């Protein structure tokens, strides 16, 4: 009977030691994973900030290009209008010259 109690006590002791070891292992593993999660979160936040800055920069660039395009279009429209007016005047003068030559 004493041997059975000794064996049971030894088995119980081994189970307790293994349980404590596994508990410590899982505790430290959880702490390590929590640190990794913090690092990933910081990295994610930095990436989000970088992407936001890039997005703002690209948006400003897009607005600048739109303004430049609008200004160029306005300038070209004015030039086209001036050239059409000039062409119309030249045609009128040509018609007058043709009419005066025929008479």
N, C-alpha and C. Protein backbone atom coordinates (compact mmCIF):
# COMPACT_ATOMS: atom_id res chain seq x y z
N UNK A 1 0.81 -1.19 0.00
CA UNK A 1 0.00 0.00 0.00
C UNK A 1 0.86 1.27 0.00
N UNK A 2 1.96 1.21 0.79
CA UNK A 2 2.85 2.36 0.84
C UNK A 2 3.47 2.63 -0.53
N UNK A 3 3.69 1.57 -1.26
CA UNK A 3 4.28 1.73 -2.58
C UNK A 3 3.29 2.38 -3.54
N UNK A 4 2.04 2.01 -3.40
CA UNK A 4 1.01 2.59 -4.25
C UNK A 4 0.83 4.07 -3.95
N UNK A 5 0.89 4.42 -2.69
CA UNK A 5 0.77 5.83 -2.30
C UNK A 5 1.98 6.59 -2.83
N UNK A 6 3.14 6.00 -2.73
CA UNK A 6 4.36 6.63 -3.24
C UNK A 6 4.31 6.82 -4.75
N UNK A 7 3.82 5.78 -5.45
CA UNK A 7 3.70 5.88 -6.90
C UNK A 7 2.66 6.92 -7.28
N UNK A 8 1.56 6.94 -6.58
CA UNK A 8 0.50 7.92 -6.86
C UNK A 8 1.00 9.33 -6.58
N UNK A 9 1.75 9.47 -5.48
CA UNK A 9 2.29 10.78 -5.13
C UNK A 9 3.31 11.21 -6.18
N UNK A 10 4.14 10.31 -6.61
CA UNK A 10 5.15 10.62 -7.64
C UNK A 10 4.46 10.99 -8.95
N UNK A 11 3.44 10.23 -9.30
CA UNK A 11 2.69 10.52 -10.54
C UNK A 11 2.01 11.88 -10.43
N UNK A 12 1.40 12.12 -9.29
CA UNK A 12 0.75 13.41 -9.08
C UNK A 12 1.78 14.54 -9.12
N UNK A 13 2.96 14.31 -8.52
CA UNK A 13 4.02 15.31 -8.54
C UNK A 13 4.48 15.59 -9.97
N UNK A 14 4.67 14.52 -10.76
CA UNK A 14 5.09 14.68 -12.17
C UNK A 14 4.03 15.43 -12.97
N UNK A 15 2.77 15.08 -12.74
CA UNK A 15 1.67 15.77 -13.44
C UNK A 15 1.66 17.25 -13.05
N UNK A 16 1.87 17.54 -11.77
CA UNK A 16 1.90 18.95 -11.33
C UNK A 16 3.07 19.69 -11.95
N UNK A 17 4.24 19.07 -11.96
CA UNK A 17 5.43 19.71 -12.55
C UNK A 17 5.20 19.96 -14.03
N UNK A 18 4.68 18.95 -14.74
CA UNK A 18 4.40 19.11 -16.18
C UNK A 18 3.35 20.20 -16.39
N UNK A 19 2.32 20.24 -15.56
CA UNK A 19 1.29 21.27 -15.68
C UNK A 19 1.87 22.66 -15.46
N UNK A 20 2.70 22.78 -14.43
CA UNK A 20 3.34 24.08 -14.15
C UNK A 20 4.24 24.48 -15.31
N UNK A 21 5.02 23.52 -15.83
CA UNK A 21 5.92 23.81 -16.96
C UNK A 21 5.12 24.24 -18.18
N UNK A 22 4.04 23.51 -18.49
CA UNK A 22 3.21 23.89 -19.63
C UNK A 22 2.53 25.24 -19.40
N UNK A 23 2.07 25.47 -18.17
CA UNK A 23 1.46 26.75 -17.85
C UNK A 23 2.45 27.89 -18.04
N UNK A 24 3.68 27.70 -17.57
CA UNK A 24 4.72 28.73 -17.73
C UNK A 24 5.04 28.93 -19.21
N UNK A 25 5.16 27.80 -19.94
CA UNK A 25 5.45 27.90 -21.38
C UNK A 25 4.36 28.70 -22.10
N UNK A 26 3.09 28.34 -21.85
CA UNK A 26 2.00 29.03 -22.52
C UNK A 26 1.89 30.50 -22.08
N UNK A 27 2.20 30.77 -20.81
CA UNK A 27 2.16 32.15 -20.34
C UNK A 27 3.20 32.98 -21.09
N UNK A 28 4.44 32.48 -21.13
CA UNK A 28 5.50 33.23 -21.81
C UNK A 28 5.26 33.30 -23.32
N UNK A 29 4.65 32.27 -23.87
CA UNK A 29 4.31 32.30 -25.30
C UNK A 29 3.25 33.37 -25.57
N UNK A 30 2.27 33.47 -24.68
CA UNK A 30 1.23 34.50 -24.83
C UNK A 30 1.82 35.90 -24.70
N UNK A 31 2.75 36.06 -23.75
CA UNK A 31 3.41 37.37 -23.59
C UNK A 31 4.19 37.70 -24.87
N UNK A 32 4.90 36.73 -25.42
CA UNK A 32 5.67 36.95 -26.65
C UNK A 32 4.73 37.31 -27.80
N UNK A 33 3.62 36.59 -27.90
CA UNK A 33 2.67 36.88 -28.97
C UNK A 33 2.05 38.26 -28.80
N UNK A 34 1.80 38.65 -27.56
CA UNK A 34 1.25 39.98 -27.30
C UNK A 34 2.25 41.06 -27.74
N UNK A 35 3.53 40.83 -27.49
CA UNK A 35 4.56 41.77 -27.94
C UNK A 35 4.59 41.84 -29.47
N UNK A 36 4.47 40.68 -30.11
CA UNK A 36 4.45 40.65 -31.58
C UNK A 36 3.23 41.39 -32.11
N UNK A 37 2.10 41.23 -31.44
CA UNK A 37 0.88 41.93 -31.85
C UNK A 37 1.09 43.44 -31.73
N UNK A 38 1.74 43.86 -30.65
CA UNK A 38 2.02 45.30 -30.49
C UNK A 38 2.91 45.82 -31.60
N UNK A 39 3.93 45.04 -31.96
CA UNK A 39 4.83 45.44 -33.04
C UNK A 39 4.07 45.53 -34.36
N UNK A 40 3.24 44.54 -34.62
CA UNK A 40 2.45 44.54 -35.86
C UNK A 40 1.48 45.72 -35.88
N UNK A 41 0.87 46.02 -34.74
CA UNK A 41 -0.06 47.15 -34.65
C UNK A 41 0.67 48.46 -34.93
N UNK A 42 1.86 48.63 -34.35
CA UNK A 42 2.64 49.85 -34.60
C UNK A 42 3.02 49.94 -36.07
N UNK A 43 3.41 48.80 -36.64
CA UNK A 43 3.77 48.78 -38.06
C UNK A 43 2.56 49.13 -38.92
N UNK A 44 1.41 48.59 -38.55
CA UNK A 44 0.19 48.87 -39.29
C UNK A 44 -0.17 50.36 -39.20
N UNK A 45 -0.03 50.92 -38.00
CA UNK A 45 -0.32 52.34 -37.82
C UNK A 45 0.64 53.22 -38.64
N UNK A 46 1.92 52.84 -38.64
CA UNK A 46 2.90 53.59 -39.43
C UNK A 46 2.59 53.49 -40.91
N UNK A 47 2.22 52.30 -41.35
CA UNK A 47 1.87 52.11 -42.77
C UNK A 47 0.63 52.92 -43.12
N UNK A 48 -0.37 52.92 -42.23
CA UNK A 48 -1.59 53.68 -42.47
C UNK A 48 -1.26 55.18 -42.57
N UNK A 49 -0.40 55.67 -41.70
CA UNK A 49 0.00 57.08 -41.73
C UNK A 49 0.73 57.41 -43.03
N UNK A 50 1.64 56.51 -43.41
CA UNK A 50 2.38 56.71 -44.65
C UNK A 50 1.44 56.72 -45.86
N UNK A 51 0.49 55.79 -45.88
CA UNK A 51 -0.46 55.73 -46.99
C UNK A 51 -1.35 56.98 -47.01
N UNK A 52 -1.72 57.48 -45.84
CA UNK A 52 -2.53 58.69 -45.77
C UNK A 52 -1.75 59.88 -46.32
N UNK A 53 -0.48 59.97 -45.94
CA UNK A 53 0.36 61.06 -46.45
C UNK A 53 0.53 60.97 -47.96
N UNK A 54 0.75 59.75 -48.44
CA UNK A 54 0.88 59.55 -49.89
C UNK A 54 -0.41 59.91 -50.60
N UNK A 55 -1.53 59.51 -50.01
CA UNK A 55 -2.83 59.81 -50.60
C UNK A 55 -3.07 61.31 -50.67
N UNK A 56 -2.74 62.03 -49.57
CA UNK A 56 -2.89 63.49 -49.56
C UNK A 56 -2.01 64.13 -50.63
N UNK A 57 -0.76 63.66 -50.73
CA UNK A 57 0.15 64.20 -51.73
C UNK A 57 -0.39 63.98 -53.14
N UNK A 58 -0.84 62.75 -53.41
CA UNK A 58 -1.36 62.44 -54.74
C UNK A 58 -2.63 63.23 -55.04
N UNK A 59 -3.46 63.45 -54.03
CA UNK A 59 -4.67 64.24 -54.22
C UNK A 59 -4.31 65.69 -54.57
N UNK A 60 -3.31 66.24 -53.89
CA UNK A 60 -2.86 67.60 -54.20
C UNK A 60 -2.30 67.68 -55.62
N UNK A 61 -1.52 66.65 -55.99
CA UNK A 61 -0.97 66.61 -57.33
C UNK A 61 -2.08 66.54 -58.38
N UNK A 62 -3.10 65.72 -58.10
CA UNK A 62 -4.22 65.59 -59.02
C UNK A 62 -4.94 66.92 -59.18
N UNK A 63 -5.18 67.62 -58.07
CA UNK A 63 -5.85 68.92 -58.13
C UNK A 63 -5.01 69.92 -58.92
N UNK A 64 -3.70 69.88 -58.73
CA UNK A 64 -2.81 70.78 -59.46
C UNK A 64 -2.86 70.49 -60.96
N UNK A 65 -2.84 69.22 -61.31
CA UNK A 65 -2.90 68.84 -62.74
C UNK A 65 -4.25 69.26 -63.33
N UNK A 66 -5.34 69.09 -62.56
CA UNK A 66 -6.65 69.51 -63.05
C UNK A 66 -6.68 71.01 -63.31
N UNK A 67 -6.09 71.80 -62.38
CA UNK A 67 -6.04 73.25 -62.56
C UNK A 67 -5.24 73.63 -63.79
N UNK A 68 -4.08 72.98 -63.94
CA UNK A 68 -3.24 73.25 -65.11
C UNK A 68 -3.97 72.88 -66.40
N UNK A 69 -4.63 71.75 -66.39
CA UNK A 69 -5.38 71.31 -67.57
C UNK A 69 -6.49 72.30 -67.91
N UNK A 70 -7.19 72.77 -66.88
CA UNK A 70 -8.26 73.74 -67.10
C UNK A 70 -7.69 75.04 -67.66
N UNK A 71 -6.56 75.49 -67.12
CA UNK A 71 -5.94 76.73 -67.61
C UNK A 71 -5.48 76.55 -69.06
N UNK A 72 -4.90 75.40 -69.37
CA UNK A 72 -4.45 75.15 -70.75
C UNK A 72 -5.64 75.10 -71.70
N UNK A 73 -6.70 74.43 -71.26
CA UNK A 73 -7.90 74.33 -72.10
C UNK A 73 -8.49 75.72 -72.36
N UNK A 74 -8.53 76.55 -71.31
CA UNK A 74 -9.05 77.90 -71.44
C UNK A 74 -8.19 78.71 -72.42
N UNK A 75 -6.87 78.60 -72.29
CA UNK A 75 -5.95 79.31 -73.18
C UNK A 75 -6.12 78.84 -74.62
N UNK A 76 -6.19 77.51 -74.81
CA UNK A 76 -6.35 76.97 -76.17
C UNK A 76 -7.69 77.37 -76.78
N UNK A 77 -8.73 77.39 -75.96
CA UNK A 77 -10.04 77.80 -76.46
C UNK A 77 -9.99 79.26 -76.92
N UNK A 78 -9.33 80.10 -76.15
CA UNK A 78 -9.20 81.51 -76.53
C UNK A 78 -8.39 81.64 -77.83
N UNK A 79 -7.32 80.87 -77.95
CA UNK A 79 -6.50 80.91 -79.17
C UNK A 79 -7.30 80.42 -80.38
N UNK A 80 -8.07 79.35 -80.20
CA UNK A 80 -8.90 78.83 -81.29
C UNK A 80 -9.92 79.88 -81.71
N UNK A 81 -10.55 80.53 -80.73
CA UNK A 81 -11.53 81.56 -81.03
C UNK A 81 -10.87 82.70 -81.81
N UNK A 82 -9.68 83.12 -81.39
CA UNK A 82 -8.97 84.20 -82.09
C UNK A 82 -8.62 83.78 -83.52
N UNK A 83 -8.17 82.55 -83.69
CA UNK A 83 -7.82 82.07 -85.03
C UNK A 83 -9.06 81.96 -85.93
N UNK A 84 -10.18 81.53 -85.38
CA UNK A 84 -11.41 81.45 -86.17
C UNK A 84 -11.87 82.85 -86.59
N UNK A 85 -11.76 83.79 -85.64
CA UNK A 85 -12.13 85.17 -85.97
C UNK A 85 -11.23 85.71 -87.08
N UNK A 86 -9.94 85.46 -86.93
CA UNK A 86 -8.98 85.91 -87.94
C UNK A 86 -9.26 85.25 -89.29
N UNK A 87 -9.56 83.96 -89.29
CA UNK A 87 -9.88 83.24 -90.53
C UNK A 87 -11.14 83.81 -91.17
N UNK A 88 -12.14 84.09 -90.33
CA UNK A 88 -13.38 84.67 -90.84
C UNK A 88 -13.11 86.03 -91.50
N UNK A 89 -12.29 86.86 -90.85
CA UNK A 89 -11.95 88.17 -91.43
C UNK A 89 -11.18 88.01 -92.73
N UNK A 90 -10.25 87.06 -92.77
CA UNK A 90 -9.48 86.83 -94.00
C UNK A 90 -10.38 86.35 -95.13
N UNK A 91 -11.34 85.52 -94.82
CA UNK A 91 -12.27 85.05 -95.86
C UNK A 91 -13.13 86.20 -96.38
N UNK A 92 -13.56 87.07 -95.45
CA UNK A 92 -14.35 88.23 -95.88
C UNK A 92 -13.53 89.12 -96.81
N UNK A 93 -12.27 89.35 -96.45
CA UNK A 93 -11.39 90.16 -97.30
C UNK A 93 -11.17 89.49 -98.64
N UNK A 94 -11.00 88.17 -98.62
CA UNK A 94 -10.79 87.43 -99.87
C UNK A 94 -12.03 87.54 -100.76
N UNK A 95 -13.22 87.45 -100.14
CA UNK A 95 -14.46 87.58 -100.90
C UNK A 95 -14.57 88.98 -101.51
N UNK A 96 -14.20 89.99 -100.76
CA UNK A 96 -14.24 91.37 -101.28
C UNK A 96 -13.31 91.52 -102.46
N UNK A 97 -12.10 90.94 -102.31
CA UNK A 97 -11.14 91.03 -103.41
C UNK A 97 -11.64 90.28 -104.64
N UNK A 98 -12.23 89.10 -104.41
CA UNK A 98 -12.76 88.31 -105.53
C UNK A 98 -13.90 89.06 -106.19
N UNK A 99 -14.76 89.70 -105.39
CA UNK A 99 -15.89 90.44 -105.93
C UNK A 99 -15.40 91.65 -106.73
N UNK A 100 -14.41 92.35 -106.23
CA UNK A 100 -13.90 93.54 -106.93
C UNK A 100 -13.17 93.14 -108.20
N UNK A 101 -12.56 91.99 -108.26
CA UNK A 101 -11.87 91.54 -109.47
C UNK A 101 -12.88 91.14 -110.54
N UNK A 102 -14.01 90.60 -110.13
CA UNK A 102 -15.02 90.16 -111.10
C UNK A 102 -15.73 91.36 -111.71
N UNK A 103 -15.76 92.45 -111.08
CA UNK A 103 -16.51 93.62 -111.60
C UNK A 103 -15.67 94.37 -112.52
